mmCIF file of all heavy atoms, coordinates in Angstrom:
data_MODEL
# 
_entry.id   MODEL 
# 
loop_
_atom_site.group_PDB 
_atom_site.id 
_atom_site.type_symbol 
_atom_site.label_atom_id 
_atom_site.label_alt_id 
_atom_site.label_comp_id 
_atom_site.label_asym_id 
_atom_site.label_entity_id 
_atom_site.label_seq_id 
_atom_site.pdbx_PDB_ins_code 
_atom_site.Cartn_x 
_atom_site.Cartn_y 
_atom_site.Cartn_z 
_atom_site.occupancy 
_atom_site.B_iso_or_equiv 
_atom_site.pdbx_formal_charge 
_atom_site.auth_seq_id 
_atom_site.auth_comp_id 
_atom_site.auth_asym_id 
_atom_site.auth_atom_id 
_atom_site.pdbx_PDB_model_num 
ATOM 1   N N   . ALA A 1 1  ? 0.830  -1.210 0.000  1.00 0.00 ? 1  ALA A N   1 
ATOM 2   C CA  . ALA A 1 1  ? 0.000  0.000  0.000  1.00 0.00 ? 1  ALA A CA  1 
ATOM 3   C C   . ALA A 1 1  ? 0.861  1.256  0.000  1.00 0.00 ? 1  ALA A C   1 
ATOM 4   O O   . ALA A 1 1  ? 0.576  2.216  -0.729 1.00 0.00 ? 1  ALA A O   1 
ATOM 5   C CB  . ALA A 1 1  ? -0.932 -0.012 1.212  1.00 0.00 ? 1  ALA A CB  1 
ATOM 6   N N   . LEU A 1 2  ? 1.929  1.257  0.798  1.00 0.00 ? 2  LEU A N   1 
ATOM 7   C CA  . LEU A 1 2  ? 2.826  2.409  0.837  1.00 0.00 ? 2  LEU A CA  1 
ATOM 8   C C   . LEU A 1 2  ? 3.545  2.601  -0.495 1.00 0.00 ? 2  LEU A C   1 
ATOM 9   O O   . LEU A 1 2  ? 3.727  3.731  -0.956 1.00 0.00 ? 2  LEU A O   1 
ATOM 10  C CB  . LEU A 1 2  ? 3.836  2.265  1.977  1.00 0.00 ? 2  LEU A CB  1 
ATOM 11  C CG  . LEU A 1 2  ? 3.270  2.528  3.362  1.00 0.00 ? 2  LEU A CG  1 
ATOM 12  C CD1 . LEU A 1 2  ? 4.213  2.014  4.434  1.00 0.00 ? 2  LEU A CD1 1 
ATOM 13  C CD2 . LEU A 1 2  ? 2.985  3.999  3.554  1.00 0.00 ? 2  LEU A CD2 1 
ATOM 14  N N   . ALA A 1 3  ? 3.932  1.504  -1.117 1.00 0.00 ? 3  ALA A N   1 
ATOM 15  C CA  . ALA A 1 3  ? 4.635  1.589  -2.402 1.00 0.00 ? 3  ALA A CA  1 
ATOM 16  C C   . ALA A 1 3  ? 3.742  2.167  -3.491 1.00 0.00 ? 3  ALA A C   1 
ATOM 17  O O   . ALA A 1 3  ? 4.240  2.767  -4.451 1.00 0.00 ? 3  ALA A O   1 
ATOM 18  C CB  . ALA A 1 3  ? 5.148  0.208  -2.808 1.00 0.00 ? 3  ALA A CB  1 
ATOM 19  N N   . ALA A 1 4  ? 2.445  2.010  -3.364 1.00 0.00 ? 4  ALA A N   1 
ATOM 20  C CA  . ALA A 1 4  ? 1.512  2.512  -4.376 1.00 0.00 ? 4  ALA A CA  1 
ATOM 21  C C   . ALA A 1 4  ? 1.238  4.014  -4.236 1.00 0.00 ? 4  ALA A C   1 
ATOM 22  O O   . ALA A 1 4  ? 0.683  4.626  -5.145 1.00 0.00 ? 4  ALA A O   1 
ATOM 23  C CB  . ALA A 1 4  ? 0.191  1.737  -4.290 1.00 0.00 ? 4  ALA A CB  1 
ATOM 24  N N   . LEU A 1 5  ? 1.637  4.598  -3.112 1.00 0.00 ? 5  LEU A N   1 
ATOM 25  C CA  . LEU A 1 5  ? 1.408  6.023  -2.890 1.00 0.00 ? 5  LEU A CA  1 
ATOM 26  C C   . LEU A 1 5  ? 2.405  6.872  -3.654 1.00 0.00 ? 5  LEU A C   1 
ATOM 27  O O   . LEU A 1 5  ? 3.487  6.410  -4.023 1.00 0.00 ? 5  LEU A O   1 
ATOM 28  C CB  . LEU A 1 5  ? 1.553  6.352  -1.399 1.00 0.00 ? 5  LEU A CB  1 
ATOM 29  C CG  . LEU A 1 5  ? 0.562  5.727  -0.432 1.00 0.00 ? 5  LEU A CG  1 
ATOM 30  C CD1 . LEU A 1 5  ? 0.960  6.065  1.003  1.00 0.00 ? 5  LEU A CD1 1 
ATOM 31  C CD2 . LEU A 1 5  ? -0.856 6.190  -0.729 1.00 0.00 ? 5  LEU A CD2 1 
ATOM 32  N N   . GLU A 1 6  ? 2.053  8.147  -3.838 1.00 0.00 ? 6  GLU A N   1 
ATOM 33  C CA  . GLU A 1 6  ? 3.030  9.118  -4.322 1.00 0.00 ? 6  GLU A CA  1 
ATOM 34  C C   . GLU A 1 6  ? 4.184  9.085  -3.321 1.00 0.00 ? 6  GLU A C   1 
ATOM 35  O O   . GLU A 1 6  ? 3.951  8.980  -2.104 1.00 0.00 ? 6  GLU A O   1 
ATOM 36  C CB  . GLU A 1 6  ? 2.376  10.499 -4.356 1.00 0.00 ? 6  GLU A CB  1 
ATOM 37  C CG  . GLU A 1 6  ? 3.297  11.604 -4.782 1.00 0.00 ? 6  GLU A CG  1 
ATOM 38  C CD  . GLU A 1 6  ? 2.613  12.975 -4.763 1.00 0.00 ? 6  GLU A CD  1 
ATOM 39  O OE1 . GLU A 1 6  ? 1.547  13.111 -4.132 1.00 0.00 ? 6  GLU A OE1 1 
ATOM 40  O OE2 . GLU A 1 6  ? 3.169  13.890 -5.368 1.00 0.00 ? 6  GLU A OE2 1 
ATOM 41  N N   . PRO A 1 7  ? 5.431  9.159  -3.774 1.00 0.00 ? 7  PRO A N   1 
ATOM 42  C CA  . PRO A 1 7  ? 6.554  9.081  -2.837 1.00 0.00 ? 7  PRO A CA  1 
ATOM 43  C C   . PRO A 1 7  ? 6.437  10.121 -1.712 1.00 0.00 ? 7  PRO A C   1 
ATOM 44  O O   . PRO A 1 7  ? 5.987  11.249 -1.930 1.00 0.00 ? 7  PRO A O   1 
ATOM 45  C CB  . PRO A 1 7  ? 7.776  9.359  -3.714 1.00 0.00 ? 7  PRO A CB  1 
ATOM 46  C CG  . PRO A 1 7  ? 7.348  8.916  -5.082 1.00 0.00 ? 7  PRO A CG  1 
ATOM 47  C CD  . PRO A 1 7  ? 5.880  9.260  -5.160 1.00 0.00 ? 7  PRO A CD  1 
ATOM 48  N N   . GLU A 1 8  ? 6.864  9.710  -0.536 1.00 0.00 ? 8  GLU A N   1 
ATOM 49  C CA  . GLU A 1 8  ? 6.769  10.573 0.637  1.00 0.00 ? 8  GLU A CA  1 
ATOM 50  C C   . GLU A 1 8  ? 7.473  11.909 0.413  1.00 0.00 ? 8  GLU A C   1 
ATOM 51  O O   . GLU A 1 8  ? 6.963  12.956 0.824  1.00 0.00 ? 8  GLU A O   1 
ATOM 52  C CB  . GLU A 1 8  ? 7.361  9.858  1.862  1.00 0.00 ? 8  GLU A CB  1 
ATOM 53  C CG  . GLU A 1 8  ? 7.251  10.688 3.132  1.00 0.00 ? 8  GLU A CG  1 
ATOM 54  C CD  . GLU A 1 8  ? 7.872  10.023 4.338  1.00 0.00 ? 8  GLU A CD  1 
ATOM 55  O OE1 . GLU A 1 8  ? 9.076  9.708  4.291  1.00 0.00 ? 8  GLU A OE1 1 
ATOM 56  O OE2 . GLU A 1 8  ? 7.147  9.841  5.326  1.00 0.00 ? 8  GLU A OE2 1 
ATOM 57  N N   . ALA A 1 9  ? 8.617  11.889 -0.244 1.00 0.00 ? 9  ALA A N   1 
ATOM 58  C CA  . ALA A 1 9  ? 9.365  13.131 -0.483 1.00 0.00 ? 9  ALA A CA  1 
ATOM 59  C C   . ALA A 1 9  ? 8.536  14.126 -1.303 1.00 0.00 ? 9  ALA A C   1 
ATOM 60  O O   . ALA A 1 9  ? 8.548  15.328 -1.027 1.00 0.00 ? 9  ALA A O   1 
ATOM 61  C CB  . ALA A 1 9  ? 10.682 12.824 -1.198 1.00 0.00 ? 9  ALA A CB  1 
ATOM 62  N N   . GLU A 1 10 ? 7.804  13.619 -2.283 1.00 0.00 ? 10 GLU A N   1 
ATOM 63  C CA  . GLU A 1 10 ? 6.976  14.504 -3.111 1.00 0.00 ? 10 GLU A CA  1 
ATOM 64  C C   . GLU A 1 10 ? 5.784  15.041 -2.315 1.00 0.00 ? 10 GLU A C   1 
ATOM 65  O O   . GLU A 1 10 ? 5.405  16.209 -2.453 1.00 0.00 ? 10 GLU A O   1 
ATOM 66  C CB  . GLU A 1 10 ? 6.498  13.769 -4.358 1.00 0.00 ? 10 GLU A CB  1 
ATOM 67  C CG  . GLU A 1 10 ? 7.622  13.452 -5.323 1.00 0.00 ? 10 GLU A CG  1 
ATOM 68  C CD  . GLU A 1 10 ? 7.184  12.625 -6.516 1.00 0.00 ? 10 GLU A CD  1 
ATOM 69  O OE1 . GLU A 1 10 ? 5.983  12.635 -6.862 1.00 0.00 ? 10 GLU A OE1 1 
ATOM 70  O OE2 . GLU A 1 10 ? 8.049  11.956 -7.099 1.00 0.00 ? 10 GLU A OE2 1 
ATOM 71  N N   . ARG A 1 11 ? 5.207  14.202 -1.489 1.00 0.00 ? 11 ARG A N   1 
ATOM 72  C CA  . ARG A 1 11 ? 4.088  14.662 -0.651 1.00 0.00 ? 11 ARG A CA  1 
ATOM 73  C C   . ARG A 1 11 ? 4.559  15.722 0.330  1.00 0.00 ? 11 ARG A C   1 
ATOM 74  O O   . ARG A 1 11 ? 3.896  16.745 0.529  1.00 0.00 ? 11 ARG A O   1 
ATOM 75  C CB  . ARG A 1 11 ? 3.451  13.476 0.099  1.00 0.00 ? 11 ARG A CB  1 
ATOM 76  C CG  . ARG A 1 11 ? 2.832  12.451 -0.828 1.00 0.00 ? 11 ARG A CG  1 
ATOM 77  C CD  . ARG A 1 11 ? 2.001  11.376 -0.139 1.00 0.00 ? 11 ARG A CD  1 
ATOM 78  N NE  . ARG A 1 11 ? 2.350  10.974 1.195  1.00 0.00 ? 11 ARG A NE  1 
ATOM 79  C CZ  . ARG A 1 11 ? 3.043  9.866  1.503  1.00 0.00 ? 11 ARG A CZ  1 
ATOM 80  N NH1 . ARG A 1 11 ? 3.480  9.047  0.552  1.00 0.00 ? 11 ARG A NH1 1 
ATOM 81  N NH2 . ARG A 1 11 ? 3.284  9.561  2.760  1.00 0.00 ? 11 ARG A NH2 1 
ATOM 82  N N   . ALA A 1 12 ? 5.728  15.508 0.927  1.00 0.00 ? 12 ALA A N   1 
ATOM 83  C CA  . ALA A 1 12 ? 6.269  16.481 1.883  1.00 0.00 ? 12 ALA A CA  1 
ATOM 84  C C   . ALA A 1 12 ? 6.602  17.793 1.180  1.00 0.00 ? 12 ALA A C   1 
ATOM 85  O O   . ALA A 1 12 ? 6.293  18.876 1.698  1.00 0.00 ? 12 ALA A O   1 
ATOM 86  C CB  . ALA A 1 12 ? 7.516  15.917 2.566  1.00 0.00 ? 12 ALA A CB  1 
ATOM 87  N N   . ALA A 1 13 ? 7.198  17.722 0.002  1.00 0.00 ? 13 ALA A N   1 
ATOM 88  C CA  . ALA A 1 13 ? 7.546  18.945 -0.733 1.00 0.00 ? 13 ALA A CA  1 
ATOM 89  C C   . ALA A 1 13 ? 6.291  19.753 -1.072 1.00 0.00 ? 13 ALA A C   1 
ATOM 90  O O   . ALA A 1 13 ? 6.286  20.984 -0.952 1.00 0.00 ? 13 ALA A O   1 
ATOM 91  C CB  . ALA A 1 13 ? 8.317  18.592 -2.001 1.00 0.00 ? 13 ALA A CB  1 
ATOM 92  N N   . ALA A 1 14 ? 5.222  19.068 -1.454 1.00 0.00 ? 14 ALA A N   1 
ATOM 93  C CA  . ALA A 1 14 ? 3.971  19.765 -1.778 1.00 0.00 ? 14 ALA A CA  1 
ATOM 94  C C   . ALA A 1 14 ? 3.391  20.435 -0.535 1.00 0.00 ? 14 ALA A C   1 
ATOM 95  O O   . ALA A 1 14 ? 2.898  21.576 -0.611 1.00 0.00 ? 14 ALA A O   1 
ATOM 96  C CB  . ALA A 1 14 ? 2.966  18.790 -2.375 1.00 0.00 ? 14 ALA A CB  1 
ATOM 97  N N   . LEU A 1 15 ? 3.469  19.767 0.601  1.00 0.00 ? 15 LEU A N   1 
ATOM 98  C CA  . LEU A 1 15 ? 2.950  20.356 1.838  1.00 0.00 ? 15 LEU A CA  1 
ATOM 99  C C   . LEU A 1 15 ? 3.794  21.546 2.275  1.00 0.00 ? 15 LEU A C   1 
ATOM 100 O O   . LEU A 1 15 ? 3.252  22.561 2.735  1.00 0.00 ? 15 LEU A O   1 
ATOM 101 C CB  . LEU A 1 15 ? 2.883  19.299 2.943  1.00 0.00 ? 15 LEU A CB  1 
ATOM 102 C CG  . LEU A 1 15 ? 1.777  18.268 2.770  1.00 0.00 ? 15 LEU A CG  1 
ATOM 103 C CD1 . LEU A 1 15 ? 1.974  17.096 3.725  1.00 0.00 ? 15 LEU A CD1 1 
ATOM 104 C CD2 . LEU A 1 15 ? 0.415  18.911 3.000  1.00 0.00 ? 15 LEU A CD2 1 
ATOM 105 N N   . VAL A 1 16 ? 5.110  21.445 2.124  1.00 0.00 ? 16 VAL A N   1 
ATOM 106 C CA  . VAL A 1 16 ? 5.985  22.567 2.476  1.00 0.00 ? 16 VAL A CA  1 
ATOM 107 C C   . VAL A 1 16 ? 5.696  23.757 1.561  1.00 0.00 ? 16 VAL A C   1 
ATOM 108 O O   . VAL A 1 16 ? 5.634  24.897 2.012  1.00 0.00 ? 16 VAL A O   1 
ATOM 109 C CB  . VAL A 1 16 ? 7.478  22.147 2.407  1.00 0.00 ? 16 VAL A CB  1 
ATOM 110 C CG1 . VAL A 1 16 ? 8.395  23.360 2.441  1.00 0.00 ? 16 VAL A CG1 1 
ATOM 111 C CG2 . VAL A 1 16 ? 7.802  21.200 3.556  1.00 0.00 ? 16 VAL A CG2 1 
ATOM 112 N N   . GLU A 1 17 ? 5.482  23.488 0.292  1.00 0.00 ? 17 GLU A N   1 
ATOM 113 C CA  . GLU A 1 17 ? 5.141  24.555 -0.649 1.00 0.00 ? 17 GLU A CA  1 
ATOM 114 C C   . GLU A 1 17 ? 3.840  25.238 -0.230 1.00 0.00 ? 17 GLU A C   1 
ATOM 115 O O   . GLU A 1 17 ? 3.714  26.460 -0.295 1.00 0.00 ? 17 GLU A O   1 
ATOM 116 C CB  . GLU A 1 17 ? 5.010  23.968 -2.057 1.00 0.00 ? 17 GLU A CB  1 
ATOM 117 C CG  . GLU A 1 17 ? 4.912  24.993 -3.144 1.00 0.00 ? 17 GLU A CG  1 
ATOM 118 C CD  . GLU A 1 17 ? 6.175  25.826 -3.289 1.00 0.00 ? 17 GLU A CD  1 
ATOM 119 O OE1 . GLU A 1 17 ? 7.281  25.294 -3.065 1.00 0.00 ? 17 GLU A OE1 1 
ATOM 120 O OE2 . GLU A 1 17 ? 6.047  27.016 -3.617 1.00 0.00 ? 17 GLU A OE2 1 
ATOM 121 N N   . GLN A 1 18 ? 2.890  24.460 0.204  1.00 0.00 ? 18 GLN A N   1 
ATOM 122 C CA  . GLN A 1 18 ? 1.579  24.970 0.604  1.00 0.00 ? 18 GLN A CA  1 
ATOM 123 C C   . GLN A 1 18 ? 1.643  25.719 1.941  1.00 0.00 ? 18 GLN A C   1 
ATOM 124 O O   . GLN A 1 18 ? 1.039  26.786 2.101  1.00 0.00 ? 18 GLN A O   1 
ATOM 125 C CB  . GLN A 1 18 ? 0.594  23.814 0.706  1.00 0.00 ? 18 GLN A CB  1 
ATOM 126 C CG  . GLN A 1 18 ? -0.779 24.180 1.194  1.00 0.00 ? 18 GLN A CG  1 
ATOM 127 C CD  . GLN A 1 18 ? -1.657 22.943 1.407  1.00 0.00 ? 18 GLN A CD  1 
ATOM 128 O OE1 . GLN A 1 18 ? -1.291 21.830 1.061  1.00 0.00 ? 18 GLN A OE1 1 
ATOM 129 N NE2 . GLN A 1 18 ? -2.819 23.150 1.983  1.00 0.00 ? 18 GLN A NE2 1 
ATOM 130 N N   . LEU A 1 19 ? 2.380  25.165 2.912  1.00 0.00 ? 19 LEU A N   1 
ATOM 131 C CA  . LEU A 1 19 ? 2.390  25.697 4.273  1.00 0.00 ? 19 LEU A CA  1 
ATOM 132 C C   . LEU A 1 19 ? 3.531  26.669 4.557  1.00 0.00 ? 19 LEU A C   1 
ATOM 133 O O   . LEU A 1 19 ? 3.476  27.410 5.530  1.00 0.00 ? 19 LEU A O   1 
ATOM 134 C CB  . LEU A 1 19 ? 2.453  24.541 5.282  1.00 0.00 ? 19 LEU A CB  1 
ATOM 135 C CG  . LEU A 1 19 ? 1.307  23.531 5.217  1.00 0.00 ? 19 LEU A CG  1 
ATOM 136 C CD1 . LEU A 1 19 ? 1.608  22.324 6.092  1.00 0.00 ? 19 LEU A CD1 1 
ATOM 137 C CD2 . LEU A 1 19 ? -0.003 24.198 5.616  1.00 0.00 ? 19 LEU A CD2 1 
ATOM 138 N N   . GLY A 1 20 ? 4.565  26.626 3.729  1.00 0.00 ? 20 GLY A N   1 
ATOM 139 C CA  . GLY A 1 20 ? 5.725  27.488 3.936  1.00 0.00 ? 20 GLY A CA  1 
ATOM 140 C C   . GLY A 1 20 ? 6.896  26.731 4.537  1.00 0.00 ? 20 GLY A C   1 
ATOM 141 O O   . GLY A 1 20 ? 6.725  25.767 5.266  1.00 0.00 ? 20 GLY A O   1 
ATOM 142 N N   . ARG A 1 21 ? 8.103  27.212 4.206  1.00 0.00 ? 21 ARG A N   1 
ATOM 143 C CA  . ARG A 1 21 ? 9.339  26.593 4.701  1.00 0.00 ? 21 ARG A CA  1 
ATOM 144 C C   . ARG A 1 21 ? 9.691  27.193 6.057  1.00 0.00 ? 21 ARG A C   1 
ATOM 145 O O   . ARG A 1 21 ? 10.561 28.040 6.160  1.00 0.00 ? 21 ARG A O   1 
ATOM 146 C CB  . ARG A 1 21 ? 10.465 26.881 3.708  1.00 0.00 ? 21 ARG A CB  1 
ATOM 147 C CG  . ARG A 1 21 ? 10.848 25.744 2.885  1.00 0.00 ? 21 ARG A CG  1 
ATOM 148 C CD  . ARG A 1 21 ? 12.050 26.039 2.000  1.00 0.00 ? 21 ARG A CD  1 
ATOM 149 N NE  . ARG A 1 21 ? 12.058 25.041 0.980  1.00 0.00 ? 21 ARG A NE  1 
ATOM 150 C CZ  . ARG A 1 21 ? 11.502 25.178 -0.209 1.00 0.00 ? 21 ARG A CZ  1 
ATOM 151 N NH1 . ARG A 1 21 ? 10.959 26.311 -0.552 1.00 0.00 ? 21 ARG A NH1 1 
ATOM 152 N NH2 . ARG A 1 21 ? 11.519 24.193 -1.067 1.00 0.00 ? 21 ARG A NH2 1 
ATOM 153 N N   . THR A 1 22 ? 9.008  26.726 7.082  1.00 0.00 ? 22 THR A N   1 
ATOM 154 C CA  . THR A 1 22 ? 9.241  27.265 8.425  1.00 0.00 ? 22 THR A CA  1 
ATOM 155 C C   . THR A 1 22 ? 9.485  26.125 9.400  1.00 0.00 ? 22 THR A C   1 
ATOM 156 O O   . THR A 1 22 ? 9.122  24.980 9.132  1.00 0.00 ? 22 THR A O   1 
ATOM 157 C CB  . THR A 1 22 ? 8.003  28.061 8.911  1.00 0.00 ? 22 THR A CB  1 
ATOM 158 O OG1 . THR A 1 22 ? 6.909  27.145 9.084  1.00 0.00 ? 22 THR A OG1 1 
ATOM 159 C CG2 . THR A 1 22 ? 7.616  29.162 7.930  1.00 0.00 ? 22 THR A CG2 1 
ATOM 160 N N   . PRO A 1 23 ? 10.091 26.442 10.527 1.00 0.00 ? 23 PRO A N   1 
ATOM 161 C CA  . PRO A 1 23 ? 10.250 25.412 11.564 1.00 0.00 ? 23 PRO A CA  1 
ATOM 162 C C   . PRO A 1 23 ? 8.905  24.837 12.012 1.00 0.00 ? 23 PRO A C   1 
ATOM 163 O O   . PRO A 1 23 ? 8.804  23.652 12.325 1.00 0.00 ? 23 PRO A O   1 
ATOM 164 C CB  . PRO A 1 23 ? 10.945 26.161 12.708 1.00 0.00 ? 23 PRO A CB  1 
ATOM 165 C CG  . PRO A 1 23 ? 11.671 27.279 12.034 1.00 0.00 ? 23 PRO A CG  1 
ATOM 166 C CD  . PRO A 1 23 ? 10.796 27.688 10.881 1.00 0.00 ? 23 PRO A CD  1 
ATOM 167 N N   . ARG A 1 24 ? 7.894  25.684 12.020 1.00 0.00 ? 24 ARG A N   1 
ATOM 168 C CA  . ARG A 1 24 ? 6.564  25.223 12.427 1.00 0.00 ? 24 ARG A CA  1 
ATOM 169 C C   . ARG A 1 24 ? 6.039  24.153 11.455 1.00 0.00 ? 24 ARG A C   1 
ATOM 170 O O   . ARG A 1 24 ? 5.446  23.161 11.876 1.00 0.00 ? 24 ARG A O   1 
ATOM 171 C CB  . ARG A 1 24 ? 5.618  26.412 12.471 1.00 0.00 ? 24 ARG A CB  1 
ATOM 172 C CG  . ARG A 1 24 ? 4.268  26.079 12.991 1.00 0.00 ? 24 ARG A CG  1 
ATOM 173 C CD  . ARG A 1 24 ? 3.384  27.311 13.053 1.00 0.00 ? 24 ARG A CD  1 
ATOM 174 N NE  . ARG A 1 24 ? 2.277  27.053 13.926 1.00 0.00 ? 24 ARG A NE  1 
ATOM 175 C CZ  . ARG A 1 24 ? 1.661  27.943 14.633 1.00 0.00 ? 24 ARG A CZ  1 
ATOM 176 N NH1 . ARG A 1 24 ? 2.030  29.198 14.575 1.00 0.00 ? 24 ARG A NH1 1 
ATOM 177 N NH2 . ARG A 1 24 ? 0.654  27.606 15.400 1.00 0.00 ? 24 ARG A NH2 1 
ATOM 178 N N   . THR A 1 25 ? 6.249  24.360 10.160 1.00 0.00 ? 25 THR A N   1 
ATOM 179 C CA  . THR A 1 25 ? 5.842  23.367 9.162  1.00 0.00 ? 25 THR A CA  1 
ATOM 180 C C   . THR A 1 25 ? 6.616  22.072 9.376  1.00 0.00 ? 25 THR A C   1 
ATOM 181 O O   . THR A 1 25 ? 6.039  20.986 9.326  1.00 0.00 ? 25 THR A O   1 
ATOM 182 C CB  . THR A 1 25 ? 6.068  23.904 7.730  1.00 0.00 ? 25 THR A CB  1 
ATOM 183 O OG1 . THR A 1 25 ? 5.232  25.046 7.537  1.00 0.00 ? 25 THR A OG1 1 
ATOM 184 C CG2 . THR A 1 25 ? 5.757  22.848 6.693  1.00 0.00 ? 25 THR A CG2 1 
ATOM 185 N N   . GLY A 1 26 ? 7.914  22.191 9.625  1.00 0.00 ? 26 GLY A N   1 
ATOM 186 C CA  . GLY A 1 26 ? 8.719  20.998 9.885  1.00 0.00 ? 26 GLY A CA  1 
ATOM 187 C C   . GLY A 1 26 ? 8.216  20.208 11.077 1.00 0.00 ? 26 GLY A C   1 
ATOM 188 O O   . GLY A 1 26 ? 8.099  18.983 11.025 1.00 0.00 ? 26 GLY A O   1 
ATOM 189 N N   . ALA A 1 27 ? 7.883  20.923 12.148 1.00 0.00 ? 27 ALA A N   1 
ATOM 190 C CA  . ALA A 1 27 ? 7.374  20.253 13.351 1.00 0.00 ? 27 ALA A CA  1 
ATOM 191 C C   . ALA A 1 27 ? 6.030  19.588 13.070 1.00 0.00 ? 27 ALA A C   1 
ATOM 192 O O   . ALA A 1 27 ? 5.779  18.460 13.513 1.00 0.00 ? 27 ALA A O   1 
ATOM 193 C CB  . ALA A 1 27 ? 7.249  21.259 14.494 1.00 0.00 ? 27 ALA A CB  1 
# 
């Protein structure tokens, strides 16, 4: 199931783009 998902790195990059590159987003 995990292998069928969009790669985690791409999902994280999209969320960072949406939320901003801040320590709060990282947390």
